[in-house]
Amino acid sequence: MNIPVMLMLTTVPDEDVASALAKAALEARVAACLTNLGAVKSQYHWNGTLESAQEVQLLFKTSSARAEELQRLIAAHHPYETPEILVWQAHASPGYGQWVNAETQRPLHV
């Protein structure tokens, strides 16, 4: 039977920020792992202007128990005024889902 895990996607301005954010999330054990999806070109409206930027996209994997804590950590360490933080539930294979949950086990910080 598949196990629910949470996926969280964000973009950051560069590799230095990506590395720092990854390290903070992993050290706090609010994410089991993350995938640096690499350079992306984002285009968006911001303050009435059409903008474009080179960014780095990160995909975090965490347990349901840690999702809110991870979201708070990303927001607190993110350099953007309004960071992109997208969250959704996925169904992982039993082995992977158990690993994600085991890697994020520790007392909750609420």
N, C-alpha and C. Protein backbone atom coordinates (compact mmCIF):
# COMPACT_ATOMS: atom_id res chain seq x y z
N MET A 1 0.84 -1.18 0.00
CA MET A 1 0.00 0.00 0.00
C MET A 1 0.89 1.25 0.00
N ASN A 2 0.55 2.20 -0.83
CA ASN A 2 1.31 3.44 -0.92
C ASN A 2 1.14 4.27 0.35
N ILE A 3 2.12 5.13 0.61
CA ILE A 3 2.15 5.96 1.82
C ILE A 3 2.14 7.42 1.40
N PRO A 4 1.28 8.24 2.03
CA PRO A 4 1.27 9.66 1.67
C PRO A 4 2.53 10.38 2.13
N VAL A 5 3.06 11.21 1.24
CA VAL A 5 4.16 12.12 1.56
C VAL A 5 3.78 13.48 1.01
N MET A 6 4.43 14.50 1.51
CA MET A 6 4.16 15.86 1.05
C MET A 6 5.32 16.34 0.19
N LEU A 7 4.98 17.01 -0.90
CA LEU A 7 5.96 17.64 -1.78
C LEU A 7 5.81 19.14 -1.65
N MET A 8 6.94 19.84 -1.63
CA MET A 8 6.92 21.29 -1.50
C MET A 8 7.91 21.87 -2.51
N LEU A 9 7.43 22.77 -3.34
CA LEU A 9 8.22 23.36 -4.42
C LEU A 9 8.45 24.84 -4.13
N THR A 10 9.67 25.29 -4.35
CA THR A 10 9.96 26.71 -4.26
C THR A 10 11.03 27.06 -5.27
N THR A 11 11.13 28.35 -5.58
CA THR A 11 12.22 28.85 -6.42
C THR A 11 13.00 29.88 -5.61
N VAL A 12 14.30 29.90 -5.84
CA VAL A 12 15.20 30.83 -5.16
C VAL A 12 16.08 31.51 -6.20
N PRO A 13 16.73 32.62 -5.83
CA PRO A 13 17.46 33.38 -6.85
C PRO A 13 18.75 32.74 -7.37
N ASP A 14 19.39 31.87 -6.56
CA ASP A 14 20.68 31.32 -7.02
C ASP A 14 21.06 30.07 -6.23
N GLU A 15 22.16 29.45 -6.64
CA GLU A 15 22.63 28.21 -6.03
C GLU A 15 23.05 28.39 -4.58
N ASP A 16 23.59 29.55 -4.22
CA ASP A 16 24.00 29.78 -2.83
C ASP A 16 22.79 29.74 -1.90
N VAL A 17 21.72 30.40 -2.29
CA VAL A 17 20.49 30.38 -1.50
C VAL A 17 19.91 28.97 -1.48
N ALA A 18 19.94 28.30 -2.62
CA ALA A 18 19.43 26.92 -2.70
C ALA A 18 20.17 26.02 -1.72
N SER A 19 21.49 26.11 -1.70
CA SER A 19 22.29 25.27 -0.80
C SER A 19 22.01 25.58 0.66
N ALA A 20 21.91 26.84 0.99
CA ALA A 20 21.64 27.24 2.38
C ALA A 20 20.27 26.78 2.83
N LEU A 21 19.27 26.92 1.98
CA LEU A 21 17.91 26.50 2.32
C LEU A 21 17.84 24.98 2.46
N ALA A 22 18.50 24.27 1.57
CA ALA A 22 18.54 22.81 1.64
C ALA A 22 19.19 22.36 2.95
N LYS A 23 20.31 22.95 3.28
CA LYS A 23 21.02 22.58 4.51
C LYS A 23 20.16 22.85 5.74
N ALA A 24 19.51 24.01 5.79
CA ALA A 24 18.66 24.35 6.94
C ALA A 24 17.53 23.34 7.10
N ALA A 25 16.87 22.97 6.01
CA ALA A 25 15.74 22.03 6.08
C ALA A 25 16.19 20.64 6.49
N LEU A 26 17.32 20.19 5.94
CA LEU A 26 17.80 18.85 6.27
C LEU A 26 18.32 18.79 7.70
N GLU A 27 19.05 19.80 8.13
CA GLU A 27 19.56 19.81 9.51
C GLU A 27 18.43 19.87 10.52
N ALA A 28 17.36 20.57 10.21
CA ALA A 28 16.21 20.66 11.11
C ALA A 28 15.34 19.40 11.03
N ARG A 29 15.62 18.53 10.07
CA ARG A 29 14.89 17.28 9.84
C ARG A 29 13.42 17.51 9.54
N VAL A 30 13.14 18.64 8.88
CA VAL A 30 11.77 18.90 8.43
C VAL A 30 11.58 18.43 7.00
N ALA A 31 12.64 17.98 6.37
CA ALA A 31 12.57 17.36 5.05
C ALA A 31 13.47 16.14 5.06
N ALA A 32 13.02 15.08 4.42
CA ALA A 32 13.84 13.88 4.30
C ALA A 32 14.90 14.08 3.22
N CYS A 33 14.51 14.78 2.17
CA CYS A 33 15.43 15.06 1.07
C CYS A 33 14.84 16.17 0.22
N LEU A 34 15.64 16.63 -0.70
CA LEU A 34 15.15 17.58 -1.68
C LEU A 34 15.91 17.35 -2.97
N THR A 35 15.28 17.75 -4.03
CA THR A 35 15.89 17.67 -5.35
C THR A 35 16.07 19.08 -5.87
N ASN A 36 17.30 19.41 -6.21
CA ASN A 36 17.59 20.68 -6.86
C ASN A 36 17.31 20.46 -8.33
N LEU A 37 16.21 21.02 -8.82
CA LEU A 37 15.79 20.82 -10.20
C LEU A 37 16.56 21.69 -11.18
N GLY A 38 17.42 22.54 -10.65
CA GLY A 38 18.30 23.33 -11.50
C GLY A 38 17.73 24.66 -11.93
N ALA A 39 18.41 25.24 -12.88
CA ALA A 39 18.07 26.58 -13.36
C ALA A 39 16.77 26.56 -14.15
N VAL A 40 15.94 27.54 -13.86
CA VAL A 40 14.69 27.75 -14.59
C VAL A 40 14.59 29.23 -14.91
N LYS A 41 13.83 29.55 -15.93
CA LYS A 41 13.54 30.94 -16.24
C LYS A 41 12.09 31.19 -15.89
N SER A 42 11.86 32.09 -14.95
CA SER A 42 10.50 32.41 -14.51
C SER A 42 10.06 33.74 -15.09
N GLN A 43 8.80 33.81 -15.46
CA GLN A 43 8.20 35.05 -15.96
C GLN A 43 6.93 35.28 -15.17
N TYR A 44 6.72 36.53 -14.72
CA TYR A 44 5.60 36.81 -13.83
C TYR A 44 5.32 38.30 -13.78
N HIS A 45 4.13 38.63 -13.29
CA HIS A 45 3.78 40.02 -13.00
C HIS A 45 4.20 40.33 -11.57
N TRP A 46 4.85 41.47 -11.36
CA TRP A 46 5.22 41.88 -10.02
C TRP A 46 5.12 43.40 -9.94
N ASN A 47 4.28 43.86 -9.03
CA ASN A 47 4.08 45.30 -8.83
C ASN A 47 3.75 46.02 -10.15
N GLY A 48 2.88 45.39 -10.95
CA GLY A 48 2.41 46.01 -12.17
C GLY A 48 3.34 45.92 -13.36
N THR A 49 4.43 45.19 -13.21
CA THR A 49 5.41 45.08 -14.29
C THR A 49 5.61 43.61 -14.64
N LEU A 50 5.78 43.34 -15.91
CA LEU A 50 6.12 41.99 -16.35
C LEU A 50 7.61 41.77 -16.12
N GLU A 51 7.93 40.77 -15.35
CA GLU A 51 9.32 40.48 -14.97
C GLU A 51 9.75 39.12 -15.50
N SER A 52 11.04 38.91 -15.57
CA SER A 52 11.59 37.58 -15.82
C SER A 52 12.87 37.46 -15.01
N ALA A 53 13.15 36.23 -14.58
CA ALA A 53 14.33 36.02 -13.74
C ALA A 53 14.84 34.60 -13.92
N GLN A 54 16.14 34.45 -13.81
CA GLN A 54 16.76 33.13 -13.74
C GLN A 54 16.70 32.72 -12.27
N GLU A 55 16.19 31.53 -12.01
CA GLU A 55 16.06 31.05 -10.65
C GLU A 55 16.48 29.59 -10.57
N VAL A 56 16.53 29.08 -9.36
CA VAL A 56 16.80 27.67 -9.10
C VAL A 56 15.55 27.11 -8.44
N GLN A 57 15.07 25.98 -8.94
CA GLN A 57 13.85 25.37 -8.41
C GLN A 57 14.23 24.19 -7.50
N LEU A 58 13.57 24.14 -6.34
CA LEU A 58 13.82 23.09 -5.35
C LEU A 58 12.53 22.34 -5.07
N LEU A 59 12.62 21.01 -4.97
CA LEU A 59 11.49 20.16 -4.62
C LEU A 59 11.83 19.39 -3.35
N PHE A 60 11.13 19.72 -2.26
CA PHE A 60 11.35 19.07 -0.96
C PHE A 60 10.38 17.92 -0.80
N LYS A 61 10.81 16.85 -0.11
CA LYS A 61 9.94 15.73 0.24
C LYS A 61 9.91 15.64 1.76
N THR A 62 8.70 15.60 2.33
CA THR A 62 8.56 15.55 3.77
C THR A 62 7.34 14.74 4.15
N SER A 63 7.19 14.51 5.43
CA SER A 63 6.02 13.81 5.95
C SER A 63 4.89 14.80 6.18
N SER A 64 3.68 14.28 6.31
CA SER A 64 2.53 15.13 6.62
C SER A 64 2.74 15.86 7.94
N ALA A 65 3.38 15.18 8.89
CA ALA A 65 3.62 15.77 10.21
C ALA A 65 4.56 16.97 10.16
N ARG A 66 5.44 17.03 9.18
CA ARG A 66 6.45 18.09 9.10
C ARG A 66 6.14 19.18 8.07
N ALA A 67 5.07 19.03 7.30
CA ALA A 67 4.81 19.94 6.19
C ALA A 67 4.67 21.40 6.64
N GLU A 68 3.92 21.67 7.67
CA GLU A 68 3.74 23.05 8.12
C GLU A 68 5.05 23.63 8.64
N GLU A 69 5.80 22.82 9.37
CA GLU A 69 7.09 23.28 9.89
C GLU A 69 8.07 23.59 8.75
N LEU A 70 8.08 22.73 7.73
CA LEU A 70 8.94 22.98 6.57
C LEU A 70 8.51 24.26 5.86
N GLN A 71 7.22 24.45 5.70
CA GLN A 71 6.74 25.67 5.03
C GLN A 71 7.17 26.91 5.80
N ARG A 72 7.08 26.88 7.12
CA ARG A 72 7.53 28.02 7.93
C ARG A 72 9.03 28.25 7.79
N LEU A 73 9.81 27.17 7.75
CA LEU A 73 11.26 27.29 7.60
C LEU A 73 11.61 27.91 6.25
N ILE A 74 10.97 27.44 5.19
CA ILE A 74 11.24 28.01 3.86
C ILE A 74 10.90 29.50 3.86
N ALA A 75 9.74 29.86 4.37
CA ALA A 75 9.33 31.27 4.39
C ALA A 75 10.31 32.12 5.21
N ALA A 76 10.77 31.60 6.34
CA ALA A 76 11.67 32.35 7.22
C ALA A 76 13.05 32.56 6.61
N HIS A 77 13.52 31.60 5.81
CA HIS A 77 14.87 31.67 5.25
C HIS A 77 14.89 32.16 3.80
N HIS A 78 13.74 32.44 3.25
CA HIS A 78 13.65 32.80 1.83
C HIS A 78 13.92 34.29 1.65
N PRO A 79 14.71 34.67 0.64
CA PRO A 79 15.02 36.09 0.45
C PRO A 79 13.91 36.89 -0.24
N TYR A 80 12.92 36.22 -0.83
CA TYR A 80 11.88 36.95 -1.55
C TYR A 80 10.81 37.47 -0.59
N GLU A 81 10.24 38.61 -0.94
CA GLU A 81 9.15 39.19 -0.17
C GLU A 81 7.93 38.25 -0.16
N THR A 82 7.64 37.66 -1.30
CA THR A 82 6.52 36.73 -1.43
C THR A 82 7.04 35.47 -2.13
N PRO A 83 7.61 34.54 -1.38
CA PRO A 83 8.18 33.36 -2.03
C PRO A 83 7.11 32.42 -2.57
N GLU A 84 7.43 31.78 -3.67
CA GLU A 84 6.60 30.70 -4.18
C GLU A 84 6.79 29.49 -3.28
N ILE A 85 5.72 29.03 -2.66
CA ILE A 85 5.74 27.80 -1.89
C ILE A 85 4.48 27.03 -2.27
N LEU A 86 4.66 25.98 -3.04
CA LEU A 86 3.54 25.14 -3.48
C LEU A 86 3.63 23.81 -2.75
N VAL A 87 2.50 23.34 -2.22
CA VAL A 87 2.47 22.12 -1.42
C VAL A 87 1.39 21.19 -1.95
N TRP A 88 1.73 19.92 -2.09
CA TRP A 88 0.72 18.94 -2.45
C TRP A 88 1.10 17.57 -1.91
N GLN A 89 0.08 16.74 -1.75
CA GLN A 89 0.29 15.39 -1.26
C GLN A 89 0.49 14.44 -2.43
N ALA A 90 1.42 13.52 -2.25
CA ALA A 90 1.68 12.49 -3.25
C ALA A 90 1.61 11.13 -2.56
N HIS A 91 1.49 10.09 -3.35
CA HIS A 91 1.47 8.73 -2.81
C HIS A 91 2.77 8.06 -3.20
N ALA A 92 3.56 7.73 -2.19
CA ALA A 92 4.88 7.14 -2.41
C ALA A 92 4.82 5.62 -2.28
N SER A 93 5.75 4.97 -2.92
CA SER A 93 5.89 3.52 -2.74
C SER A 93 6.13 3.26 -1.25
N PRO A 94 5.77 2.06 -0.78
CA PRO A 94 5.90 1.79 0.66
C PRO A 94 7.30 2.04 1.21
N GLY A 95 8.31 1.57 0.53
CA GLY A 95 9.67 1.74 1.03
C GLY A 95 10.08 3.20 1.11
N TYR A 96 9.79 3.94 0.05
CA TYR A 96 10.17 5.36 0.02
C TYR A 96 9.35 6.15 1.04
N GLY A 97 8.06 5.91 1.10
CA GLY A 97 7.21 6.61 2.05
C GLY A 97 7.63 6.36 3.49
N GLN A 98 7.98 5.13 3.80
CA GLN A 98 8.45 4.81 5.15
C GLN A 98 9.76 5.53 5.44
N TRP A 99 10.64 5.59 4.45
CA TRP A 99 11.91 6.28 4.63
C TRP A 99 11.69 7.77 4.90
N VAL A 100 10.82 8.43 4.11
CA VAL A 100 10.53 9.86 4.31
C VAL A 100 10.00 10.09 5.73
N ASN A 101 9.07 9.27 6.16
CA ASN A 101 8.50 9.43 7.50
C ASN A 101 9.55 9.18 8.58
N ALA A 102 10.39 8.17 8.41
CA ALA A 102 11.43 7.87 9.40
C ALA A 102 12.45 9.00 9.50
N GLU A 103 12.82 9.58 8.36
CA GLU A 103 13.83 10.64 8.36
C GLU A 103 13.34 11.95 8.98
N THR A 104 12.05 12.11 9.10
CA THR A 104 11.50 13.34 9.67
C THR A 104 10.89 13.12 11.05
N GLN A 105 11.20 11.98 11.66
CA GLN A 105 10.70 11.68 13.01
C GLN A 105 11.55 12.38 14.06
N ARG A 106 10.92 13.16 14.87
CA ARG A 106 11.49 13.79 16.06
C ARG A 106 10.37 14.59 16.68
N PRO A 107 10.54 15.06 17.89
CA PRO A 107 9.44 15.84 18.50
C PRO A 107 9.07 17.05 17.65
N LEU A 108 7.78 17.33 17.56
CA LEU A 108 7.30 18.48 16.79
C LEU A 108 7.68 19.79 17.46
N HIS A 109 8.05 20.78 16.66
CA HIS A 109 8.25 22.16 17.13
C HIS A 109 7.07 22.97 16.61
N VAL A 110 6.18 23.29 17.48
CA VAL A 110 4.96 24.00 17.04
C VAL A 110 5.03 25.46 17.41
